[in-house]
Protein backbone atom coordinates (compact mmCIF):
# COMPACT_ATOMS: atom_id res chain seq x y z
CA MET A 1 35.02 1.67 -22.59
CA SER A 2 35.39 4.59 -19.88
CA THR A 3 32.36 5.64 -18.11
CA SER A 4 32.05 7.91 -15.14
CA LYS A 5 30.90 6.38 -12.31
CA ASN A 6 29.52 9.52 -10.72
CA GLU A 7 27.41 10.12 -13.81
CA LEU A 8 23.63 10.23 -13.33
CA PRO A 9 21.17 8.02 -15.49
CA PHE A 10 18.91 11.23 -15.83
CA SER A 11 19.54 14.84 -16.19
CA SER A 12 17.98 17.28 -13.80
CA SER A 13 15.25 18.23 -16.13
CA ASN A 14 14.40 14.32 -16.37
CA TYR A 15 14.28 14.56 -12.29
CA VAL A 16 12.01 17.70 -12.40
CA MET A 17 9.60 16.45 -15.08
CA MET A 18 9.33 13.19 -12.70
CA LEU A 19 8.53 15.36 -9.98
CA VAL A 20 5.82 17.23 -11.93
CA GLY A 21 4.52 13.60 -13.28
CA ILE A 22 4.05 12.59 -9.83
CA ALA A 23 1.92 15.81 -8.46
CA VAL A 24 -0.23 15.64 -11.61
CA ILE A 25 -0.65 11.65 -10.91
CA LEU A 26 -1.60 12.61 -7.12
CA ALA A 27 -3.75 15.58 -8.29
CA GLY A 28 -5.84 13.42 -10.21
CA PHE A 29 -6.43 10.91 -7.08
CA LEU A 30 -7.21 13.79 -5.34
CA ILE A 31 -9.88 15.05 -7.53
CA MET A 32 -11.31 11.63 -7.70
CA THR A 33 -12.03 11.77 -4.16
CA PHE A 34 -13.57 15.36 -4.61
CA ASP A 35 -16.69 13.76 -6.45
CA SER A 36 -19.92 14.02 -4.37
CA GLU A 37 -22.17 11.42 -6.05
CA GLU A 38 -22.27 7.95 -4.55
CA PHE A 39 -19.48 5.63 -5.18
CA GLY A 40 -17.58 8.54 -7.14
CA PHE A 41 -19.81 8.01 -10.03
CA GLY A 42 -20.01 11.48 -10.81
CA PHE A 43 -18.00 13.64 -13.45
CA LEU A 44 -15.25 14.13 -11.20
CA GLY A 45 -14.86 10.32 -10.15
CA LEU A 46 -15.17 9.02 -13.84
CA THR A 47 -13.85 11.84 -16.32
CA LEU A 48 -11.66 14.71 -14.90
CA GLY A 49 -9.41 12.60 -12.01
CA PRO A 50 -8.68 9.58 -14.44
CA ILE A 51 -7.90 11.99 -17.31
CA VAL A 52 -5.72 14.20 -15.43
CA ALA A 53 -4.08 10.87 -13.95
CA VAL A 54 -3.46 9.46 -17.02
CA ALA A 55 -1.96 12.68 -18.14
CA GLY A 56 0.29 12.52 -15.23
CA PHE A 57 1.43 8.87 -16.27
CA ILE A 58 2.26 10.33 -19.90
CA ILE A 59 4.45 12.97 -18.40
CA GLU A 60 6.12 10.28 -16.38
CA PHE A 61 6.99 8.11 -19.72
CA TRP A 62 7.88 11.18 -21.13
CA ALA A 63 10.17 12.32 -18.57
CA ILE A 64 11.95 8.80 -18.46
CA LEU A 65 12.22 8.58 -22.28
CA ARG A 66 13.22 11.80 -22.44
CA LYS A 67 17.50 11.97 -23.90
CA PRO A 68 19.40 14.18 -21.33
CA THR A 69 21.23 16.94 -23.24
CA ASN A 70 24.84 17.05 -22.64
CA SER A 71 25.58 21.09 -22.32
C-alpha cells in the first residue's frame, strides 16, 4: 500500500463545485431576507429561498460524493 501523502482527497473540480454550492446556499438565505411580508411569510421567504438553499446543499453533496478523475 503505497499512497502519496501529498495527494488531496478531492480534485480541483470538486473544490470549485463546493464553492459554487456554498454560494448557492448563501444566495438562498439572502433571498429569504428580501421578503417584504411580516416574519418572512411571503413567496421569497417560504418558497423561493428554501428551494435555492436546498439546491445548494444538493450541489454540496454531489461535489463531495463525486469521484475525482485521474487524468
